[in-house]
Amino acid sequence: MMFPSAQLSSASQHGHSGRSINIMQPEQAIHPLPTLAIFGGKKSFSQPLHVGRPNIVNRDRFLQRVNQILDNRWLTNNGPFVQEFERNIASFLGVKHCISICNATIALEIAIRALSLKGEVIVPSYTFIATAHALQWQEVTPVFADMDPRTYNINPDTIDELITPRTSGIIGVHLWGRACDTAAIETLAARRGLTVMYDASHAFSCSHLGRKIGSFGACEVFSFHATKFLNSFEGGAIVTNNDNLAEKIRLMCNFGFKGYDNVIHPGTNGKMTEVCAAMGISSLEVIDETIAVNQQNYRQYKNGLYGMKGLSLIEYDTAESNNYQYIVLEVDPNTAALNRDDLVKVLHAENVLARKYFWPGCHNMEPYRSYNPHAHFLLPQTERMSPRIVVLPTGTAVGCDEIARICEIMKSALDQACQVRSALENRPTV
């Protein structure tokens, strides 16, 4: 399955590391939209349009691999496709070791335990809840750091004041594929004797400081969940250049077995299955085409949203490699005609299931909200920025027509802001 190519000029997308960009001049005019669904009009989409709808790769190549798995009768336990997938990922990222795992949450848990993290570990609050839960599940306390509002990533300047005698490490998150400030984090960690690892779930195929993300810190964890642009149905991986750490992780994800009957380490079942690895290999084969579609979609959103006051897209640094997996829109409540939540309600009424990533921040979710009800005083930027962010559908399941319609919906809603607010206030609660 070949995806449409995207001939994009890097000169037309001058990128700078920062928070967001002004939306560029459109190539095509936006056409008037029929009556919005919240006003009684027909839904724009008969079926829900999800954020992160799975990219389906070449079916024939994948099914050939599935048939081979069935012929081999080797369904799991480090089969040939798992081994091939790990070799391919390690080669692609330029790292020594890749250990495939059944999912990224288990990968985080295994990496945390393999690095002997304990006591307290500093993480951003503005991340997917799994980053925090992976610590809490192992009775390690996540201590939440504030974000840098220019990048949405963890702000290294807020970390030092959170370090206590119980702190053992820092987990940075490369949010939306844009690397956090690894140099500042690792310099601080070295000075304070802390271990650093990264949650790189969003960052496969992205680069930082001119090299692929995957070789920073003690190790990095990737997600190949169905919603990720490179998916293995369900899966994840830990990558590292540390030989001893890699050997320890391999033991831990297979119950500590060294050979058939020799258990030499505590462990769990974190193995990836053969069919998941086959999907991962098939996804990796078309990664360039998938990224091209994502980049093309990103450019069309920039065009289609041009001129909508108070709306801005996050910026991708064109000096680095990007996967363009996420279309992230910031809605400034001080200048936009509608706030983020109202726009989300309008989109949902049209069957566009936009998402409020990662609202309201981990510190406002349980059990962390109960553990530390005053955490928000230390997280002013997370509190300020999290109500502004909405993520829109993209990927190979979304085409030009869908993106044009989504942009038209938003423009129509903003142009009729007073009527929209009135309709939403009078709308029955479902």
Protein backbone atom coordinates (compact mmCIF):
# COMPACT_ATOMS: atom_id res chain seq x y z
CA MET A 1 0.00 0.00 0.00
CA MET A 2 1.61 3.23 -1.13
CA PHE A 3 0.58 6.52 0.36
CA PRO A 4 0.39 9.79 -1.59
CA SER A 5 3.69 11.61 -1.56
CA ALA A 6 4.03 15.07 -0.06
CA GLN A 7 6.27 17.47 -1.95
CA LEU A 8 6.94 19.96 0.82
CA SER A 9 9.43 22.78 0.66
CA SER A 10 11.45 23.13 3.83
CA ALA A 11 11.90 26.78 2.93
CA SER A 12 8.15 27.29 3.22
CA GLN A 13 8.12 25.90 6.77
CA HIS A 14 10.99 27.73 8.45
CA GLY A 15 11.02 26.04 11.86
CA HIS A 16 12.44 27.33 15.10
CA SER A 17 12.40 25.56 18.44
CA GLY A 18 9.51 27.12 20.27
CA ARG A 19 5.91 26.73 21.20
CA SER A 20 3.75 27.49 18.19
CA ILE A 21 3.65 29.14 14.80
CA ASN A 22 1.40 31.59 13.09
CA ILE A 23 -0.72 29.71 10.61
CA MET A 24 0.49 30.32 7.05
CA GLN A 25 -1.28 31.85 4.05
CA PRO A 26 -3.76 29.35 2.62
CA GLU A 27 -3.41 27.82 -0.80
CA GLN A 28 -7.17 27.36 -1.16
CA ALA A 29 -10.09 29.37 0.13
CA ILE A 30 -12.35 27.83 2.77
CA HIS A 31 -15.88 27.26 1.50
CA PRO A 32 -19.01 27.95 3.54
CA LEU A 33 -20.23 25.02 5.59
CA PRO A 34 -23.84 23.90 5.84
CA THR A 35 -25.56 24.34 9.20
CA LEU A 36 -23.47 23.08 12.12
CA ALA A 37 -24.71 19.98 13.91
CA ILE A 38 -25.13 21.91 17.15
CA PHE A 39 -27.67 24.07 15.30
CA GLY A 40 -29.57 21.00 14.09
CA GLY A 41 -27.61 20.34 10.92
CA LYS A 42 -26.48 16.94 9.71
CA LYS A 43 -23.24 15.60 11.17
CA SER A 44 -20.31 16.24 8.85
CA PHE A 45 -19.11 12.64 9.23
CA SER A 46 -21.35 9.58 9.41
CA GLN A 47 -18.66 7.63 11.28
CA PRO A 48 -16.49 8.96 14.12
CA LEU A 49 -13.21 10.47 12.96
CA HIS A 50 -10.74 9.54 15.67
CA VAL A 51 -7.40 10.99 16.66
CA GLY A 52 -4.87 8.22 16.12
CA ARG A 53 -6.97 5.99 13.89
CA PRO A 54 -4.63 3.10 13.01
CA ASN A 55 -2.47 3.26 9.92
CA ILE A 56 -3.05 0.03 7.98
CA VAL A 57 0.01 -1.11 6.05
CA ASN A 58 0.46 -3.39 3.04
CA ARG A 59 -2.05 -6.15 3.83
CA ASP A 60 -0.51 -8.70 1.50
CA ARG A 61 2.98 -8.35 2.99
CA PHE A 62 1.59 -8.51 6.52
CA LEU A 63 -0.62 -11.53 5.80
CA GLN A 64 2.33 -13.32 4.18
CA ARG A 65 4.16 -12.91 7.45
CA VAL A 66 1.15 -14.13 9.42
CA ASN A 67 0.98 -17.26 7.27
CA GLN A 68 4.67 -17.82 7.89
CA ILE A 69 4.09 -17.50 11.64
CA LEU A 70 1.34 -20.12 11.46
CA ASP A 71 3.52 -22.40 9.34
CA ASN A 72 6.39 -21.99 11.83
CA ARG A 73 4.07 -22.66 14.78
CA TRP A 74 6.25 -20.17 16.65
CA LEU A 75 3.80 -17.62 18.02
CA THR A 76 5.80 -16.00 20.84
CA ASN A 77 8.94 -16.45 22.99
CA ASN A 78 11.51 -14.53 20.93
CA GLY A 79 10.52 -15.84 17.54
CA PRO A 80 12.22 -14.93 14.24
CA PHE A 81 9.97 -11.92 13.55
CA VAL A 82 10.58 -10.47 17.01
CA GLN A 83 14.30 -10.85 16.45
CA GLU A 84 14.05 -9.23 13.02
CA PHE A 85 11.95 -6.38 14.36
CA GLU A 86 14.48 -5.67 17.11
CA ARG A 87 17.39 -5.70 14.66
CA ASN A 88 15.56 -3.37 12.30
CA ILE A 89 14.61 -0.91 15.06
CA ALA A 90 18.14 -0.85 16.50
CA SER A 91 19.62 -0.28 13.04
CA PHE A 92 17.09 2.44 12.19
CA LEU A 93 17.80 4.32 15.42
CA GLY A 94 21.55 3.73 15.45
CA VAL A 95 21.57 2.08 18.90
CA LYS A 96 23.19 -1.13 20.09
CA HIS A 97 20.19 -2.79 21.71
CA CYS A 98 16.43 -2.92 21.18
CA ILE A 99 14.29 -5.11 23.41
CA SER A 100 10.72 -5.37 22.15
CA ILE A 101 8.03 -5.39 24.83
CA CYS A 102 4.32 -6.27 24.81
CA ASN A 103 3.39 -2.59 25.35
CA ALA A 104 5.05 0.68 26.28
CA THR A 105 3.61 0.85 29.81
CA ILE A 106 5.19 -2.50 30.71
CA ALA A 107 8.35 -1.26 28.97
CA LEU A 108 8.41 1.78 31.27
CA GLU A 109 7.89 -0.42 34.32
CA ILE A 110 10.66 -2.83 33.33
CA ALA A 111 13.07 0.03 32.53
CA ILE A 112 12.30 1.71 35.86
CA ARG A 113 12.97 -1.52 37.75
CA ALA A 114 16.07 -2.38 35.68
CA LEU A 115 17.54 1.03 36.53
CA SER A 116 16.77 0.46 40.24
CA LEU A 117 14.74 3.65 40.49
CA LYS A 118 13.10 3.98 43.89
CA GLY A 119 11.82 6.51 46.38
CA GLU A 120 10.90 9.50 44.20
CA VAL A 121 11.35 10.15 40.49
CA ILE A 122 10.74 13.53 38.87
CA VAL A 123 8.46 13.54 35.81
CA PRO A 124 6.42 16.16 33.98
CA SER A 125 2.79 16.42 34.99
CA TYR A 126 1.91 17.25 31.39
CA THR A 127 2.18 13.75 29.92
CA PHE A 128 0.07 10.66 29.41
CA ILE A 129 -0.93 9.14 32.73
CA ALA A 130 1.02 5.93 32.00
CA THR A 131 4.31 7.75 32.67
CA ALA A 132 3.23 8.42 36.24
CA HIS A 133 1.38 5.13 36.74
CA ALA A 134 4.44 3.10 35.70
CA LEU A 135 6.21 4.57 38.72
CA GLN A 136 3.33 4.45 41.17
CA TRP A 137 2.52 0.84 40.24
CA GLN A 138 5.98 -0.08 41.58
CA GLU A 139 5.60 2.05 44.70
CA VAL A 140 7.89 4.77 43.37
CA THR A 141 6.46 8.25 43.93
CA PRO A 142 6.18 10.46 40.83
CA VAL A 143 7.06 14.06 41.69
CA PHE A 144 5.59 16.41 39.11
CA ALA A 145 7.63 19.16 37.47
CA ASP A 146 6.23 22.09 35.54
CA MET A 147 6.40 22.55 31.78
CA ASP A 148 8.24 25.07 29.67
CA PRO A 149 5.33 26.94 28.00
CA ARG A 150 7.40 27.45 24.83
CA THR A 151 7.79 23.71 24.22
CA TYR A 152 5.26 22.01 26.58
CA ASN A 153 8.10 19.71 27.68
CA ILE A 154 9.47 19.41 31.22
CA ASN A 155 11.24 22.61 32.28
CA PRO A 156 14.72 21.69 33.59
CA ASP A 157 14.77 24.91 35.64
CA THR A 158 11.97 23.55 37.84
CA ILE A 159 13.63 20.21 38.60
CA ASP A 160 16.36 21.17 41.05
CA GLU A 161 13.96 22.48 43.69
CA LEU A 162 12.05 19.19 43.63
CA ILE A 163 15.06 17.00 44.44
CA THR A 164 15.08 15.46 47.91
CA PRO A 165 17.19 12.77 49.59
CA ARG A 166 14.59 10.26 48.29
CA THR A 167 14.99 11.27 44.62
CA SER A 168 16.62 8.58 42.48
CA GLY A 169 15.97 9.73 38.93
CA ILE A 170 14.33 11.85 36.28
CA ILE A 171 12.08 10.70 33.43
CA GLY A 172 11.89 13.19 30.59
CA VAL A 173 9.14 12.96 27.98
CA HIS A 174 9.64 13.94 24.34
CA LEU A 175 6.15 15.32 23.93
CA TRP A 176 4.65 15.07 20.43
CA GLY A 177 8.04 13.92 19.15
CA ARG A 178 9.84 17.13 20.09
CA ALA A 179 12.78 16.35 22.35
CA CYS A 180 13.00 17.82 25.81
CA ASP A 181 16.19 19.63 26.85
CA THR A 182 18.35 16.55 27.31
CA ALA A 183 21.58 18.49 27.84
CA ALA A 184 20.16 20.51 30.74
CA ILE A 185 18.45 17.49 32.30
CA GLU A 186 21.49 15.24 32.08
CA THR A 187 23.88 17.94 33.32
CA LEU A 188 21.67 18.47 36.37
CA ALA A 189 21.30 14.72 36.92
CA ALA A 190 25.06 14.17 36.79
CA ARG A 191 25.61 16.95 39.32
CA ARG A 192 22.98 15.53 41.70
CA GLY A 193 23.81 11.84 41.16
CA LEU A 194 20.51 10.91 39.50
CA THR A 195 19.62 8.44 36.75
CA VAL A 196 17.91 9.72 33.59
CA MET A 197 15.66 7.83 31.21
CA TYR A 198 13.18 9.06 28.62
CA ASP A 199 9.64 8.27 27.63
CA ALA A 200 9.96 8.56 23.85
CA SER A 201 6.52 7.14 23.05
CA HIS A 202 5.78 9.98 20.62
CA ALA A 203 9.24 10.30 19.16
CA PHE A 204 10.03 7.34 16.94
CA SER A 205 11.95 8.52 13.86
CA CYS A 206 12.43 12.00 15.32
CA SER A 207 15.88 13.47 15.86
CA HIS A 208 17.51 15.71 18.46
CA LEU A 209 20.82 17.51 18.11
CA GLY A 210 21.19 15.86 14.73
CA ARG A 211 20.81 12.24 15.86
CA LYS A 212 17.83 9.95 16.18
CA ILE A 213 16.06 9.95 19.53
CA GLY A 214 16.81 6.63 21.22
CA SER A 215 20.36 7.07 22.45
CA PHE A 216 19.81 9.67 25.16
CA GLY A 217 19.92 8.92 28.87
CA ALA A 218 20.38 5.43 30.26
CA CYS A 219 17.60 4.16 27.99
CA GLU A 220 14.53 5.33 26.08
CA VAL A 221 11.09 3.75 25.74
CA PHE A 222 9.02 3.78 22.55
CA SER A 223 5.38 2.95 21.97
CA PHE A 224 4.07 1.00 18.98
CA HIS A 225 0.46 1.12 20.10
CA ALA A 226 -2.25 1.00 17.45
CA THR A 227 -2.68 4.78 17.69
CA LYS A 228 0.99 5.49 16.97
CA PHE A 229 2.08 6.24 13.42
CA LEU A 230 4.30 3.14 13.49
CA ASN A 231 2.20 0.47 15.13
CA SER A 232 2.59 -3.20 15.97
CA PHE A 233 -1.07 -3.52 16.98
CA GLU A 234 0.08 -3.28 20.62
CA GLY A 235 3.70 -3.03 21.60
CA GLY A 236 6.68 -1.06 22.77
CA ALA A 237 10.45 -1.23 23.03
CA ILE A 238 13.32 -0.26 25.29
CA VAL A 239 16.46 0.89 23.48
CA THR A 240 19.88 1.46 25.01
CA ASN A 241 23.61 1.46 24.31
CA ASN A 242 24.36 -0.08 27.71
CA ASP A 243 25.24 -3.78 27.31
CA ASN A 244 24.68 -4.71 30.95
CA LEU A 245 21.36 -2.90 31.12
CA ALA A 246 20.16 -4.58 27.93
CA GLU A 247 21.03 -8.04 29.28
CA LYS A 248 19.19 -7.27 32.53
CA ILE A 249 16.10 -6.06 30.67
CA ARG A 250 16.01 -9.19 28.50
CA LEU A 251 16.04 -11.33 31.61
CA MET A 252 13.34 -9.27 33.30
CA CYS A 253 10.89 -9.39 30.41
CA ASN A 254 11.00 -13.20 30.29
CA PHE A 255 10.59 -14.19 33.95
CA GLY A 256 14.36 -14.06 34.51
CA PHE A 257 15.07 -17.13 32.37
CA LYS A 258 18.61 -17.68 31.14
CA GLY A 259 18.07 -20.74 28.98
CA TYR A 260 15.30 -23.33 29.33
CA ASP A 261 15.36 -24.15 33.04
CA ASN A 262 17.70 -21.59 34.55
CA VAL A 263 16.04 -18.61 36.27
CA ILE A 264 18.68 -16.15 37.45
CA HIS A 265 16.73 -12.93 38.01
CA PRO A 266 13.27 -11.75 39.10
CA GLY A 267 11.11 -10.97 36.10
CA THR A 268 7.72 -10.73 34.50
CA ASN A 269 6.11 -11.48 31.14
CA GLY A 270 6.84 -8.52 28.89
CA LYS A 271 7.38 -10.40 25.63
CA MET A 272 6.12 -9.18 22.27
CA THR A 273 4.27 -11.76 20.16
CA GLU A 274 5.25 -12.77 16.64
CA VAL A 275 2.11 -11.33 15.04
CA CYS A 276 2.75 -7.94 16.68
CA ALA A 277 6.34 -8.01 15.47
CA ALA A 278 5.13 -8.87 11.95
CA MET A 279 2.88 -5.80 12.00
CA GLY A 280 5.77 -3.71 13.31
CA ILE A 281 8.07 -4.85 10.51
CA SER A 282 5.37 -4.15 7.94
CA SER A 283 4.82 -0.66 9.40
CA LEU A 284 8.54 0.07 9.37
CA GLU A 285 8.73 -0.83 5.68
CA VAL A 286 6.47 2.13 4.77
CA ILE A 287 7.55 4.60 7.43
CA ASP A 288 8.74 7.22 4.93
CA GLU A 289 5.40 7.18 3.11
CA THR A 290 3.49 7.42 6.39
CA ILE A 291 5.55 10.40 7.54
CA ALA A 292 5.02 12.06 4.16
CA VAL A 293 1.25 11.78 4.63
CA ASN A 294 1.52 13.18 8.17
CA GLN A 295 3.61 16.09 6.92
CA GLN A 296 1.18 16.78 4.10
CA ASN A 297 -1.73 16.76 6.55
CA TYR A 298 0.15 19.14 8.85
CA ARG A 299 0.68 21.58 6.00
CA GLN A 300 -2.98 21.42 4.97
CA TYR A 301 -4.11 22.14 8.52
CA LYS A 302 -1.82 25.18 8.58
CA ASN A 303 -3.38 26.41 5.36
CA GLY A 304 -6.94 25.64 6.36
CA LEU A 305 -6.70 27.30 9.78
CA TYR A 306 -5.12 30.47 8.46
CA GLY A 307 -6.62 33.66 9.82
CA MET A 308 -8.49 32.08 12.74
CA LYS A 309 -7.63 34.46 15.53
CA GLY A 310 -6.34 32.88 18.71
CA LEU A 311 -5.48 29.52 17.12
CA SER A 312 -1.92 28.34 16.54
CA LEU A 313 -0.29 25.02 15.68
CA ILE A 314 2.76 23.68 17.46
CA GLU A 315 5.95 24.10 15.48
CA TYR A 316 8.19 21.30 14.28
CA ASP A 317 11.87 22.21 13.92
CA THR A 318 12.68 21.53 10.28
CA ALA A 319 16.39 21.28 11.13
CA GLU A 320 15.49 17.96 12.78
CA SER A 321 13.68 14.84 11.59
CA ASN A 322 10.02 14.83 12.61
CA ASN A 323 7.26 12.24 12.32
CA TYR A 324 4.46 14.88 12.28
CA GLN A 325 2.33 12.37 14.14
CA TYR A 326 0.29 14.95 16.03
CA ILE A 327 -1.72 17.95 14.90
CA VAL A 328 -1.65 20.00 18.09
CA LEU A 329 -3.62 23.22 18.26
CA GLU A 330 -3.35 25.83 20.99
CA VAL A 331 -6.48 27.87 21.61
CA ASP A 332 -5.71 31.17 23.36
CA PRO A 333 -8.73 31.96 25.57
CA ASN A 334 -7.78 35.64 25.60
CA THR A 335 -8.02 36.15 21.85
CA ALA A 336 -10.03 33.26 20.34
CA ALA A 337 -13.77 33.75 19.90
CA LEU A 338 -14.40 30.35 21.51
CA ASN A 339 -12.41 28.52 24.14
CA ARG A 340 -10.88 25.09 23.66
CA ASP A 341 -13.69 23.18 25.33
CA ASP A 342 -16.39 24.85 23.22
CA LEU A 343 -14.50 24.04 20.02
CA VAL A 344 -14.13 20.42 21.12
CA LYS A 345 -17.88 20.19 21.74
CA VAL A 346 -18.59 21.62 18.28
CA LEU A 347 -16.22 19.12 16.67
CA HIS A 348 -17.61 16.18 18.64
CA ALA A 349 -21.12 17.08 17.49
CA GLU A 350 -19.83 16.69 13.91
CA ASN A 351 -18.28 13.26 14.75
CA VAL A 352 -14.77 14.73 14.82
CA LEU A 353 -13.44 13.27 18.07
CA ALA A 354 -10.75 15.83 18.84
CA ARG A 355 -8.85 15.16 22.07
CA LYS A 356 -7.80 17.36 24.98
CA TYR A 357 -4.24 16.00 25.40
CA PHE A 358 -3.07 15.81 28.28
CA TRP A 359 -5.66 17.69 30.23
CA PRO A 360 -5.91 18.28 33.16
CA GLY A 361 -2.36 17.10 33.92
CA CYS A 362 -1.38 14.02 35.90
CA HIS A 363 -1.35 15.97 39.16
CA ASN A 364 -5.10 16.54 38.78
CA MET A 365 -5.84 12.83 38.30
CA GLU A 366 -6.18 10.11 40.90
CA PRO A 367 -4.48 8.98 42.98
CA TYR A 368 -2.11 11.93 42.67
CA ARG A 369 -4.76 14.59 43.26
CA SER A 370 -5.54 13.04 46.64
CA TYR A 371 -1.89 12.46 47.54
CA ASN A 372 -0.94 16.08 46.93
CA PRO A 373 -3.96 18.38 46.54
CA HIS A 374 -1.71 21.46 46.55
CA ALA A 375 0.58 20.35 43.69
CA HIS A 376 -0.94 22.93 41.36
CA PHE A 377 0.87 25.71 43.24
CA LEU A 378 4.16 24.33 41.87
CA LEU A 379 2.77 23.83 38.36
CA PRO A 380 1.55 27.25 37.19
CA GLN A 381 2.44 26.75 33.51
CA THR A 382 0.85 23.29 33.38
CA GLU A 383 -2.30 24.76 34.93
CA ARG A 384 -2.29 27.66 32.45
CA MET A 385 -1.51 25.74 29.28
CA SER A 386 -3.36 22.43 29.65
CA PRO A 387 -6.85 23.99 29.10
CA ARG A 388 -5.65 25.37 25.74
CA ILE A 389 -4.55 22.24 23.88
CA VAL A 390 -6.57 20.17 21.42
CA VAL A 391 -5.30 17.42 19.11
CA LEU A 392 -6.95 16.91 15.72
CA PRO A 393 -7.27 13.77 13.55
CA THR A 394 -4.46 12.95 11.12
CA GLY A 395 -2.68 9.91 9.66
CA THR A 396 -3.34 7.83 6.58
CA ALA A 397 -7.03 7.45 7.44
CA VAL A 398 -7.52 11.21 7.02
CA GLY A 399 -7.44 12.86 3.60
CA CYS A 400 -7.66 16.31 2.10
CA ASP A 401 -11.46 16.38 2.11
CA GLU A 402 -11.68 15.47 5.79
CA ILE A 403 -9.12 18.08 6.81
CA ALA A 404 -10.82 20.76 4.72
CA ARG A 405 -14.13 19.95 6.39
CA ILE A 406 -12.64 20.05 9.88
CA CYS A 407 -11.15 23.46 9.19
CA GLU A 408 -14.48 24.67 7.78
CA ILE A 409 -16.28 23.49 10.92
CA MET A 410 -13.91 25.45 13.11
CA LYS A 411 -14.11 28.60 11.01
CA SER A 412 -17.90 28.46 10.95
CA ALA A 413 -18.00 27.98 14.73
CA LEU A 414 -15.67 30.92 15.36
CA ASP A 415 -17.62 33.14 12.97
CA GLN A 416 -20.80 32.35 14.89
CA ALA A 417 -19.28 32.30 18.37
CA CYS A 418 -22.20 33.93 20.18
CA GLN A 419 -24.73 31.57 18.65
CA VAL A 420 -22.47 28.60 19.34
CA ARG A 421 -22.14 29.47 23.02
CA SER A 422 -25.89 29.89 23.29
CA ALA A 423 -26.55 26.56 21.57
CA LEU A 424 -24.05 24.79 23.82
CA GLU A 425 -25.60 26.28 26.96
CA ASN A 426 -29.05 25.05 25.90
CA ARG A 427 -27.86 21.67 24.66
CA PRO A 428 -29.15 18.74 26.71
CA THR A 429 -26.49 16.95 28.72
CA VAL A 430 -25.83 13.44 27.41
